[in-house]
PDB file of N, CA and C in Angstrom:
ATOM      1  N   MET A   1     -28.361  16.739 -15.822  1.00  0.00           N
ATOM      2  CA  MET A   1     -29.350  15.814 -15.334  1.00  0.00           C
ATOM      3  C   MET A   1     -28.078  15.331 -13.770  1.00  0.00           C
ATOM      4  N   VAL A   2     -29.240  15.258 -13.084  1.00  0.00           N
ATOM      5  CA  VAL A   2     -28.805  14.670 -11.418  1.00  0.00           C
ATOM      6  C   VAL A   2     -28.954  13.403 -11.404  1.00  0.00           C
ATOM      7  N   ARG A   3     -27.976  12.487 -10.635  1.00  0.00           N
ATOM      8  CA  ARG A   3     -28.331  11.351 -10.718  1.00  0.00           C
ATOM      9  C   ARG A   3     -27.949  10.870  -9.347  1.00  0.00           C
ATOM     10  N   THR A   4     -28.991  10.203  -9.015  1.00  0.00           N
ATOM     11  CA  THR A   4     -28.928   9.621  -7.354  1.00  0.00           C
ATOM     12  C   THR A   4     -28.028   8.592  -7.178  1.00  0.00           C
ATOM     13  N   ARG A   5     -27.645   8.086  -6.200  1.00  0.00           N
ATOM     14  CA  ARG A   5     -26.890   7.070  -5.719  1.00  0.00           C
ATOM     15  C   ARG A   5     -27.592   5.789  -5.464  1.00  0.00           C
ATOM     16  N   ARG A   6     -27.544   4.940  -6.426  1.00  0.00           N
ATOM     17  CA  ARG A   6     -28.472   3.678  -6.497  1.00  0.00           C
ATOM     18  C   ARG A   6     -27.905   2.872  -5.220  1.00  0.00           C
ATOM     19  N   ILE A   7     -28.570   1.907  -4.329  1.00  0.00           N
ATOM     20  CA  ILE A   7     -28.271   1.603  -3.493  1.00  0.00           C
ATOM     21  C   ILE A   7     -28.609  -0.250  -3.692  1.00  0.00           C
ATOM     22  N   PHE A   8     -28.341  -1.322  -3.393  1.00  0.00           N
ATOM     23  CA  PHE A   8     -28.039  -2.740  -4.304  1.00  0.00           C
ATOM     24  C   PHE A   8     -28.241  -3.348  -3.168  1.00  0.00           C
ATOM     25  N   SER A   9     -28.653  -4.118  -2.625  1.00  0.00           N
ATOM     26  CA  SER A   9     -29.125  -5.221  -1.728  1.00  0.00           C
ATOM     27  C   SER A   9     -28.001  -6.355  -2.196  1.00  0.00           C
ATOM     28  N   ARG A  10     -27.827  -7.248  -0.718  1.00  0.00           N
ATOM     29  CA  ARG A  10     -26.794  -8.340  -0.838  1.00  0.00           C
ATOM     30  C   ARG A  10     -26.970  -9.050  -1.913  1.00  0.00           C
ATOM     31  N   GLU A  11     -28.037  -9.332  -2.125  1.00  0.00           N
ATOM     32  CA  GLU A  11     -28.637 -10.618  -2.758  1.00  0.00           C
ATOM     33  C   GLU A  11     -28.177 -10.235  -4.253  1.00  0.00           C
ATOM     34  N   PHE A  12     -28.414  -8.901  -4.431  1.00  0.00           N
ATOM     35  CA  PHE A  12     -28.455  -8.492  -6.103  1.00  0.00           C
ATOM     36  C   PHE A  12     -26.889  -8.619  -6.023  1.00  0.00           C
ATOM     37  N   LYS A  13     -25.786  -7.780  -4.876  1.00  0.00           N
ATOM     38  CA  LYS A  13     -24.553  -8.448  -5.813  1.00  0.00           C
ATOM     39  C   LYS A  13     -23.989  -9.422  -4.823  1.00  0.00           C
ATOM     40  N   LEU A  14     -24.685 -10.535  -4.577  1.00  0.00           N
ATOM     41  CA  LEU A  14     -23.964 -11.906  -4.418  1.00  0.00           C
ATOM     42  C   LEU A  14     -24.062 -12.787  -6.060  1.00  0.00           C
ATOM     43  N   GLN A  15     -25.602 -12.075  -6.361  1.00  0.00           N
ATOM     44  CA  GLN A  15     -26.217 -12.704  -8.050  1.00  0.00           C
ATOM     45  C   GLN A  15     -25.323 -12.319  -9.032  1.00  0.00           C
ATOM     46  N   VAL A  16     -24.693 -10.967  -8.829  1.00  0.00           N
ATOM     47  CA  VAL A  16     -23.535 -10.475  -9.904  1.00  0.00           C
ATOM     48  C   VAL A  16     -22.240 -11.277  -9.812  1.00  0.00           C
ATOM     49  N   VAL A  17     -21.779 -11.520  -8.520  1.00  0.00           N
ATOM     50  CA  VAL A  17     -20.540 -11.671  -8.385  1.00  0.00           C
ATOM     51  C   VAL A  17     -20.776 -13.182  -8.932  1.00  0.00           C
ATOM     52  N   LYS A  18     -21.651 -14.371  -8.450  1.00  0.00           N
ATOM     53  CA  LYS A  18     -22.098 -15.698  -8.673  1.00  0.00           C
ATOM     54  C   LYS A  18     -21.990 -15.835 -10.667  1.00  0.00           C
ATOM     55  N   GLU A  19     -22.692 -14.869 -11.153  1.00  0.00           N
ATOM     56  CA  GLU A  19     -22.497 -14.670 -12.589  1.00  0.00           C
ATOM     57  C   GLU A  19     -21.184 -14.124 -13.637  1.00  0.00           C
ATOM     58  N   LEU A  20     -20.218 -13.534 -12.623  1.00  0.00           N
ATOM     59  CA  LEU A  20     -19.369 -13.472 -12.878  1.00  0.00           C
ATOM     60  C   LEU A  20     -18.273 -14.415 -12.712  1.00  0.00           C
ATOM     61  N   GLU A  21     -18.635 -15.544 -11.430  1.00  0.00           N
ATOM     62  CA  GLU A  21     -17.413 -16.565 -11.413  1.00  0.00           C
ATOM     63  C   GLU A  21     -18.231 -17.262 -12.402  1.00  0.00           C
ATOM     64  N   GLY A  22     -19.413 -17.643 -13.006  1.00  0.00           N
ATOM     65  CA  GLY A  22     -20.074 -18.343 -13.855  1.00  0.00           C
ATOM     66  C   GLY A  22     -19.504 -18.405 -15.215  1.00  0.00           C
ATOM     67  N   SER A  23     -20.456 -18.476 -16.231  1.00  0.00           N
ATOM     68  CA  SER A  23     -20.134 -18.107 -17.931  1.00  0.00           C
ATOM     69  C   SER A  23     -20.139 -16.523 -17.977  1.00  0.00           C
ATOM     70  N   LYS A  24     -20.786 -15.860 -17.819  1.00  0.00           N
ATOM     71  CA  LYS A  24     -20.846 -14.946 -18.776  1.00  0.00           C
ATOM     72  C   LYS A  24     -19.632 -13.589 -18.227  1.00  0.00           C
ATOM     73  N   THR A  25     -19.602 -13.063 -19.343  1.00  0.00           N
ATOM     74  CA  THR A  25     -18.393 -12.111 -19.043  1.00  0.00           C
ATOM     75  C   THR A  25     -18.933 -10.635 -18.216  1.00  0.00           C
ATOM     76  N   LEU A  26     -17.726 -10.123 -18.050  1.00  0.00           N
ATOM     77  CA  LEU A  26     -18.017  -8.559 -17.041  1.00  0.00           C
ATOM     78  C   LEU A  26     -18.839  -7.698 -17.642  1.00  0.00           C
ATOM     79  N   ALA A  27     -18.460  -8.005 -19.241  1.00  0.00           N
ATOM     80  CA  ALA A  27     -19.580  -7.076 -20.286  1.00  0.00           C
ATOM     81  C   ALA A  27     -21.076  -7.025 -20.311  1.00  0.00           C
ATOM     82  N   GLN A  28     -20.997  -8.867 -20.528  1.00  0.00           N
ATOM     83  CA  GLN A  28     -22.380  -8.944 -20.414  1.00  0.00           C
ATOM     84  C   GLN A  28     -23.245  -8.582 -19.319  1.00  0.00           C
ATOM     85  N   ILE A  29     -22.981  -8.555 -18.114  1.00  0.00           N
ATOM     86  CA  ILE A  29     -23.170  -8.935 -16.935  1.00  0.00           C
ATOM     87  C   ILE A  29     -23.580  -6.853 -16.736  1.00  0.00           C
ATOM     88  N   VAL A  30     -22.096  -6.051 -16.676  1.00  0.00           N
ATOM     89  CA  VAL A  30     -22.521  -4.958 -16.768  1.00  0.00           C
ATOM     90  C   VAL A  30     -24.220  -4.268 -17.612  1.00  0.00           C
ATOM     91  N   ARG A  31     -23.973  -4.764 -18.608  1.00  0.00           N
ATOM     92  CA  ARG A  31     -24.952  -4.269 -19.842  1.00  0.00           C
ATOM     93  C   ARG A  31     -26.540  -4.407 -19.332  1.00  0.00           C
ATOM     94  N   GLU A  32     -26.438  -6.224 -18.376  1.00  0.00           N
ATOM     95  CA  GLU A  32     -27.223  -6.623 -17.994  1.00  0.00           C
ATOM     96  C   GLU A  32     -28.201  -5.814 -16.761  1.00  0.00           C
ATOM     97  N   TYR A  33     -27.241  -5.544 -15.777  1.00  0.00           N
ATOM     98  CA  TYR A  33     -27.637  -4.928 -14.970  1.00  0.00           C
ATOM     99  C   TYR A  33     -27.435  -3.566 -14.747  1.00  0.00           C
ATOM    100  N   GLU A  34     -26.706  -3.089 -15.391  1.00  0.00           N
ATOM    101  CA  GLU A  34     -26.874  -1.392 -16.228  1.00  0.00           C
ATOM    102  C   GLU A  34     -26.184  -0.950 -14.578  1.00  0.00           C
ATOM    103  N   ILE A  35     -24.970  -1.506 -14.295  1.00  0.00           N
ATOM    104  CA  ILE A  35     -23.371  -1.349 -13.791  1.00  0.00           C
ATOM    105  C   ILE A  35     -22.624  -0.922 -14.255  1.00  0.00           C
ATOM    106  N   HIS A  36     -21.770   0.252 -13.492  1.00  0.00           N
ATOM    107  CA  HIS A  36     -20.413   0.361 -13.927  1.00  0.00           C
ATOM    108  C   HIS A  36     -19.484  -1.129 -14.097  1.00  0.00           C
ATOM    109  N   GLU A  37     -18.600  -0.921 -14.527  1.00  0.00           N
ATOM    110  CA  GLU A  37     -17.348  -1.998 -14.471  1.00  0.00           C
ATOM    111  C   GLU A  37     -16.773  -2.197 -13.300  1.00  0.00           C
ATOM    112  N   THR A  38     -16.283  -1.148 -12.502  1.00  0.00           N
ATOM    113  CA  THR A  38     -15.497  -1.177 -11.319  1.00  0.00           C
ATOM    114  C   THR A  38     -16.325  -1.386 -10.531  1.00  0.00           C
ATOM    115  N   VAL A  39     -17.934  -1.073 -10.336  1.00  0.00           N
ATOM    116  CA  VAL A  39     -18.799  -1.418  -9.277  1.00  0.00           C
ATOM    117  C   VAL A  39     -18.970  -3.032  -9.497  1.00  0.00           C
ATOM    118  N   ALA A  40     -18.810  -4.066 -10.130  1.00  0.00           N
ATOM    119  CA  ALA A  40     -19.149  -4.831 -10.139  1.00  0.00           C
ATOM    120  C   ALA A  40     -17.499  -5.671 -10.028  1.00  0.00           C
ATOM    121  N   GLY A  41     -16.381  -5.003 -10.263  1.00  0.00           N
ATOM    122  CA  GLY A  41     -15.453  -5.544  -9.764  1.00  0.00           C
ATOM    123  C   GLY A  41     -15.082  -5.556  -8.479  1.00  0.00           C
ATOM    124  N   ARG A  42     -15.379  -4.665  -8.127  1.00  0.00           N
ATOM    125  CA  ARG A  42     -15.271  -4.182  -6.491  1.00  0.00           C
ATOM    126  C   ARG A  42     -15.688  -5.603  -5.735  1.00  0.00           C
ATOM    127  N   TRP A  43     -17.290  -5.442  -6.379  1.00  0.00           N
ATOM    128  CA  TRP A  43     -18.186  -6.584  -5.447  1.00  0.00           C
ATOM    129  C   TRP A  43     -17.200  -7.733  -5.714  1.00  0.00           C
ATOM    130  N   TYR A  44     -16.543  -8.103  -6.292  1.00  0.00           N
ATOM    131  CA  TYR A  44     -16.052  -9.586  -6.657  1.00  0.00           C
ATOM    132  C   TYR A  44     -14.976  -9.724  -5.612  1.00  0.00           C
ATOM    133  N   ARG A  45     -14.120  -8.347  -5.926  1.00  0.00           N
ATOM    134  CA  ARG A  45     -12.982  -8.490  -4.960  1.00  0.00           C
ATOM    135  C   ARG A  45     -13.387  -8.574  -3.311  1.00  0.00           C
ATOM    136  N   GLU A  46     -14.444  -7.883  -3.153  1.00  0.00           N
ATOM    137  CA  GLU A  46     -14.917  -7.930  -1.387  1.00  0.00           C
ATOM    138  C   GLU A  46     -15.291  -9.510  -1.087  1.00  0.00           C
ATOM    139  N   TYR A  47     -15.581 -10.324  -2.389  1.00  0.00           N
ATOM    140  CA  TYR A  47     -16.478 -11.612  -1.935  1.00  0.00           C
ATOM    141  C   TYR A  47     -15.004 -12.167  -1.894  1.00  0.00           C
ATOM    142  N   GLN A  48     -14.179 -12.353  -2.485  1.00  0.00           N
ATOM    143  CA  GLN A  48     -13.290 -12.965  -2.989  1.00  0.00           C
ATOM    144  C   GLN A  48     -12.558 -13.172  -1.353  1.00  0.00           C
ATOM    145  N   LYS A  49     -12.510 -11.278  -0.862  1.00  0.00           N
ATOM    146  CA  LYS A  49     -11.519 -11.509   0.294  1.00  0.00           C
ATOM    147  C   LYS A  49     -12.424 -12.131   1.540  1.00  0.00           C
ATOM    148  N   TYR A  50     -13.750 -11.612   1.603  1.00  0.00           N
ATOM    149  CA  TYR A  50     -14.328 -11.832   2.688  1.00  0.00           C
ATOM    150  C   TYR A  50     -15.352 -13.041   2.555  1.00  0.00           C
ATOM    151  N   GLY A  51     -15.875 -13.853   0.949  1.00  0.00           N
ATOM    152  CA  GLY A  51     -16.884 -14.249   1.404  1.00  0.00           C
ATOM    153  C   GLY A  51     -17.994 -14.373   1.834  1.00  0.00           C
ATOM    154  N   ASP A  52     -18.581 -15.427   2.477  1.00  0.00           N
ATOM    155  CA  ASP A  52     -20.286 -15.107   2.857  1.00  0.00           C
ATOM    156  C   ASP A  52     -20.254 -14.136   4.152  1.00  0.00           C
ATOM    157  N   ASP A  53     -19.231 -13.182   4.641  1.00  0.00           N
ATOM    158  CA  ASP A  53     -19.611 -11.895   5.372  1.00  0.00           C
ATOM    159  C   ASP A  53     -19.252 -11.045   4.597  1.00  0.00           C
ATOM    160  N   ALA A  54     -19.225 -11.076   3.260  1.00  0.00           N
ATOM    161  CA  ALA A  54     -19.195  -9.784   2.295  1.00  0.00           C
ATOM    162  C   ALA A  54     -20.827  -9.415   1.957  1.00  0.00           C
ATOM    163  N   PHE A  55     -20.439  -7.895   2.074  1.00  0.00           N
ATOM    164  CA  PHE A  55     -21.840  -7.260   1.864  1.00  0.00           C
ATOM    165  C   PHE A  55     -22.895  -7.510   3.216  1.00  0.00           C
ATOM    166  N   LYS A  56     -22.215  -6.811   4.527  1.00  0.00           N
ATOM    167  CA  LYS A  56     -23.461  -7.117   5.709  1.00  0.00           C
ATOM    168  C   LYS A  56     -23.612  -5.907   5.371  1.00  0.00           C
ATOM    169  N   GLY A  57     -23.408  -4.578   4.917  1.00  0.00           N
ATOM    170  CA  GLY A  57     -24.055  -3.458   5.103  1.00  0.00           C
ATOM    171  C   GLY A  57     -23.425  -2.739   6.025  1.00  0.00           C
ATOM    172  N   ASN A  58     -22.957  -1.244   5.445  1.00  0.00           N
ATOM    173  CA  ASN A  58     -22.623  -0.337   6.786  1.00  0.00           C
ATOM    174  C   ASN A  58     -21.242  -0.751   7.092  1.00  0.00           C
ATOM    175  N   GLY A  59     -20.640  -1.291   6.220  1.00  0.00           N
ATOM    176  CA  GLY A  59     -19.139  -1.494   6.740  1.00  0.00           C
ATOM    177  C   GLY A  59     -18.651  -2.747   7.986  1.00  0.00           C
ATOM    178  N   LEU A  60     -19.910  -3.498   8.378  1.00  0.00           N
ATOM    179  CA  LEU A  60     -19.603  -4.340   9.031  1.00  0.00           C
ATOM    180  C   LEU A  60     -18.044  -5.190   9.235  1.00  0.00           C
ATOM    181  N   THR A  61     -17.935  -5.640   8.034  1.00  0.00           N
ATOM    182  CA  THR A  61     -16.574  -6.372   8.158  1.00  0.00           C
ATOM    183  C   THR A  61     -15.670  -5.904   8.332  1.00  0.00           C
ATOM    184  N   TYR A  62     -15.542  -4.711   7.728  1.00  0.00           N
ATOM    185  CA  TYR A  62     -14.538  -3.723   8.132  1.00  0.00           C
ATOM    186  C   TYR A  62     -14.451  -3.271   9.259  1.00  0.00           C
ATOM    187  N   LYS A  63     -15.729  -3.233  10.072  1.00  0.00           N
ATOM    188  CA  LYS A  63     -15.459  -2.222  11.524  1.00  0.00           C
ATOM    189  C   LYS A  63     -15.156  -3.934  12.536  1.00  0.00           C
ATOM    190  N   GLU A  64     -15.158  -5.029  12.090  1.00  0.00           N
ATOM    191  CA  GLU A  64     -14.763  -6.541  12.609  1.00  0.00           C
ATOM    192  C   GLU A  64     -13.345  -6.556  12.707  1.00  0.00           C
ATOM    193  N   ASP A  65     -12.985  -6.348  11.322  1.00  0.00           N
ATOM    194  CA  ASP A  65     -11.518  -6.398  11.266  1.00  0.00           C
ATOM    195  C   ASP A  65     -10.850  -5.248  11.858  1.00  0.00           C
ATOM    196  N   ALA A  66     -11.162  -3.990  12.079  1.00  0.00           N
ATOM    197  CA  ALA A  66     -10.539  -2.899  12.776  1.00  0.00           C
ATOM    198  C   ALA A  66     -10.748  -3.404  13.920  1.00  0.00           C
ATOM    199  N   ARG A  67     -11.784  -4.244  14.391  1.00  0.00           N
ATOM    200  CA  ARG A  67     -11.556  -4.405  15.846  1.00  0.00           C
ATOM    201  C   ARG A  67     -10.783  -5.441  16.637  1.00  0.00           C
ATOM    202  N   ILE A  68     -10.694  -5.983  15.384  1.00  0.00           N
ATOM    203  CA  ILE A  68      -9.703  -8.008  15.708  1.00  0.00           C
ATOM    204  C   ILE A  68      -8.098  -7.077  15.764  1.00  0.00           C
ATOM    205  N   VAL A  69      -7.948  -6.090  15.006  1.00  0.00           N
ATOM    206  CA  VAL A  69      -6.513  -5.400  14.841  1.00  0.00           C
ATOM    207  C   VAL A  69      -6.196  -4.615  16.221  1.00  0.00           C
ATOM    208  N   GLN A  70      -7.066  -4.184  16.588  1.00  0.00           N
ATOM    209  CA  GLN A  70      -7.371  -3.601  18.247  1.00  0.00           C
ATOM    210  C   GLN A  70      -6.648  -4.374  18.996  1.00  0.00           C
ATOM    211  N   LEU A  71      -7.998  -5.711  19.233  1.00  0.00           N
ATOM    212  CA  LEU A  71      -7.816  -6.427  19.883  1.00  0.00           C
ATOM    213  C   LEU A  71      -6.590  -7.152  20.294  1.00  0.00           C
ATOM    214  N   GLU A  72      -5.998  -7.680  19.046  1.00  0.00           N
ATOM    215  CA  GLU A  72      -5.023  -8.052  19.267  1.00  0.00           C
ATOM    216  C   GLU A  72      -3.423  -7.411  19.447  1.00  0.00           C
ATOM    217  N   ARG A  73      -3.663  -5.953  19.234  1.00  0.00           N
ATOM    218  CA  ARG A  73      -2.604  -5.052  19.616  1.00  0.00           C
ATOM    219  C   ARG A  73      -2.695  -5.000  20.775  1.00  0.00           C
ATOM    220  N   LYS A  74      -3.704  -5.057  21.722  1.00  0.00           N
ATOM    221  CA  LYS A  74      -3.913  -4.664  23.256  1.00  0.00           C
ATOM    222  C   LYS A  74      -3.487  -6.125  23.918  1.00  0.00           C
ATOM    223  N   ILE A  75      -4.035  -7.259  23.313  1.00  0.00           N
ATOM    224  CA  ILE A  75      -3.283  -8.421  23.850  1.00  0.00           C
ATOM    225  C   ILE A  75      -1.513  -8.337  22.930  1.00  0.00           C
ATOM    226  N   GLY A  76      -0.857  -8.208  22.359  1.00  0.00           N
ATOM    227  CA  GLY A  76       0.633  -7.614  22.705  1.00  0.00           C
ATOM    228  C   GLY A  76       0.986  -7.190  23.747  1.00  0.00           C
ATOM    229  N   GLN A  77       0.060  -5.777  24.133  1.00  0.00           N
ATOM    230  CA  GLN A  77       0.398  -4.690  24.938  1.00  0.00           C
ATOM    231  C   GLN A  77       0.479  -5.769  26.262  1.00  0.00           C
ATOM    232  N   LEU A  78      -0.876  -5.977  26.480  1.00  0.00           N
ATOM    233  CA  LEU A  78      -0.406  -6.953  28.216  1.00  0.00           C
ATOM    234  C   LEU A  78      -0.163  -8.153  28.385  1.00  0.00           C
ATOM    235  N   THR A  79       0.101  -8.503  27.034  1.00  0.00           N
ATOM    236  CA  THR A  79       1.382  -9.722  27.390  1.00  0.00           C
ATOM    237  C   THR A  79       2.735  -9.012  27.660  1.00  0.00           C
ATOM    238  N   MET A  80       3.206  -8.131  27.258  1.00  0.00           N
ATOM    239  CA  MET A  80       4.696  -6.974  27.351  1.00  0.00           C
ATOM    240  C   MET A  80       4.626  -6.956  28.728  1.00  0.00           C
ATOM    241  N   GLU A  81       3.464  -6.199  29.547  1.00  0.00           N
ATOM    242  CA  GLU A  81       3.613  -5.920  30.948  1.00  0.00           C
ATOM    243  C   GLU A  81       3.463  -7.154  31.466  1.00  0.00           C
ATOM    244  N   ASN A  82       2.471  -8.171  31.484  1.00  0.00           N
ATOM    245  CA  ASN A  82       2.677  -8.953  32.271  1.00  0.00           C
ATOM    246  C   ASN A  82       3.777  -9.926  32.313  1.00  0.00           C
ATOM    247  N   ASP A  83       5.068  -9.999  30.853  1.00  0.00           N
ATOM    248  CA  ASP A  83       6.420 -10.429  31.237  1.00  0.00           C
ATOM    249  C   ASP A  83       6.956  -9.535  32.132  1.00  0.00           C
ATOM    250  N   PHE A  84       6.779  -8.285  32.185  1.00  0.00           N
ATOM    251  CA  PHE A  84       7.570  -7.133  32.712  1.00  0.00           C
ATOM    252  C   PHE A  84       7.416  -7.442  34.268  1.00  0.00           C
ATOM    253  N   LEU A  85       6.420  -7.470  34.272  1.00  0.00           N
ATOM    254  CA  LEU A  85       5.893  -7.720  36.086  1.00  0.00           C
ATOM    255  C   LEU A  85       5.963  -9.631  36.081  1.00  0.00           C
ATOM    256  N   LYS A  86       6.599 -10.070  35.564  1.00  0.00           N
ATOM    257  CA  LYS A  86       6.773 -11.809  36.336  1.00  0.00           C
ATOM    258  C   LYS A  86       8.523 -11.519  36.470  1.00  0.00           C
ATOM    259  N   LYS A  87       8.933 -10.441  35.894  1.00  0.00           N
ATOM    260  CA  LYS A  87      10.318 -10.414  35.986  1.00  0.00           C
ATOM    261  C   LYS A  87      10.585  -9.442  36.893  1.00  0.00           C
ATOM    262  N   ALA A  88       9.799  -8.474  37.421  1.00  0.00           N
ATOM    263  CA  ALA A  88      10.307  -7.861  38.322  1.00  0.00           C
ATOM    264  C   ALA A  88      10.187  -8.143  39.740  1.00  0.00           C
ATOM    265  N   ILE A  89       8.753  -9.875  39.839  1.00  0.00           N
ATOM    266  CA  ILE A  89       8.585 -10.106  40.871  1.00  0.00           C
ATOM    267  C   ILE A  89      10.024 -11.205  40.799  1.00  0.00           C
ATOM    268  N   GLN A  90      10.493 -11.642  40.225  1.00  0.00           N
ATOM    269  CA  GLN A  90      11.128 -12.490  40.668  1.00  0.00           C
ATOM    270  C   GLN A  90      12.499 -11.834  41.136  1.00  0.00           C
ATOM    271  N   GLY A  91      13.333 -10.422  40.329  1.00  0.00           N
ATOM    272  CA  GLY A  91      13.607 -10.034  41.062  1.00  0.00           C
ATOM    273  C   GLY A  91      13.565  -9.086  42.371  1.00  0.00           C
ATOM    274  N   THR A  92      12.725  -8.746  42.796  1.00  0.00           N
ATOM    275  CA  THR A  92      12.346  -8.972  44.004  1.00  0.00           C
ATOM    276  C   THR A  92      12.651  -9.894  45.328  1.00  0.00           C
ATOM    277  N   SER A  93      12.151 -11.284  44.769  1.00  0.00           N
ATOM    278  CA  SER A  93      11.894 -12.191  45.564  1.00  0.00           C
ATOM    279  C   SER A  93      13.585 -12.949  45.766  1.00  0.00           C
ATOM    280  N   GLN A  94      14.298 -12.582  44.215  1.00  0.00           N
ATOM    281  CA  GLN A  94      15.751 -12.978  44.894  1.00  0.00           C
ATOM    282  C   GLN A  94      16.649 -11.754  45.687  1.00  0.00           C
ATOM    283  N   THR A  95      16.124 -10.660  45.495  1.00  0.00           N
ATOM    284  CA  THR A  95      17.239  -9.709  46.294  1.00  0.00           C
ATOM    285  C   THR A  95      16.192  -9.647  47.650  1.00  0.00           C
ATOM    286  N   HIS A  96      15.186  -9.943  47.878  1.00  0.00           N
ATOM    287  CA  HIS A  96      14.411 -10.365  49.462  1.00  0.00           C
ATOM    288  C   HIS A  96      15.138 -11.363  50.053  1.00  0.00           C
ATOM    289  N   ARG A  97      15.458 -12.680  49.678  1.00  0.00           N
ATOM    290  CA  ARG A  97      16.282 -14.107  49.672  1.00  0.00           C
ATOM    291  C   ARG A  97      17.813 -13.644  50.306  1.00  0.00           C
ATOM    292  N   ARG A  98      18.531 -13.210  49.057  1.00  0.00           N
ATOM    293  CA  ARG A  98      19.765 -12.581  49.517  1.00  0.00           C
ATOM    294  C   ARG A  98      19.985 -11.624  50.997  1.00  0.00           C
ATOM    295  N   GLY A  99      18.858 -11.014  50.973  1.00  0.00           N
ATOM    296  CA  GLY A  99      19.439 -10.305  52.154  1.00  0.00           C
ATOM    297  C   GLY A  99      18.500 -10.635  53.575  1.00  0.00           C
ATOM    298  N   SER A 100      17.743 -11.931  53.449  1.00  0.00           N
ATOM    299  CA  SER A 100      17.512 -12.677  54.766  1.00  0.00           C
ATOM    300  C   SER A 100      18.936 -13.529  55.459  1.00  0.00           C
TER     301      SER A 100
END
């Protein structure tokens, strides 16, 4: 038997997560919605980590996180280069004054 991969809407995932936070047990939820317990657990962890930004679709939150890390790395690199250039300019101006 061939199983096709099911696609769940953001609203469905949020409903499952809200019920996990409520009074229903994991076993009740997986039976009711016919999903695997690892899927429900993953959705719950994603919601805990990203809050309302969870389940935006196509890994959007992860792409945003990766972009933030990339930009922070670039800021650090530019800060180091800026500090180096400031020191180089100060050294040049001091050498120029001594030579005058």
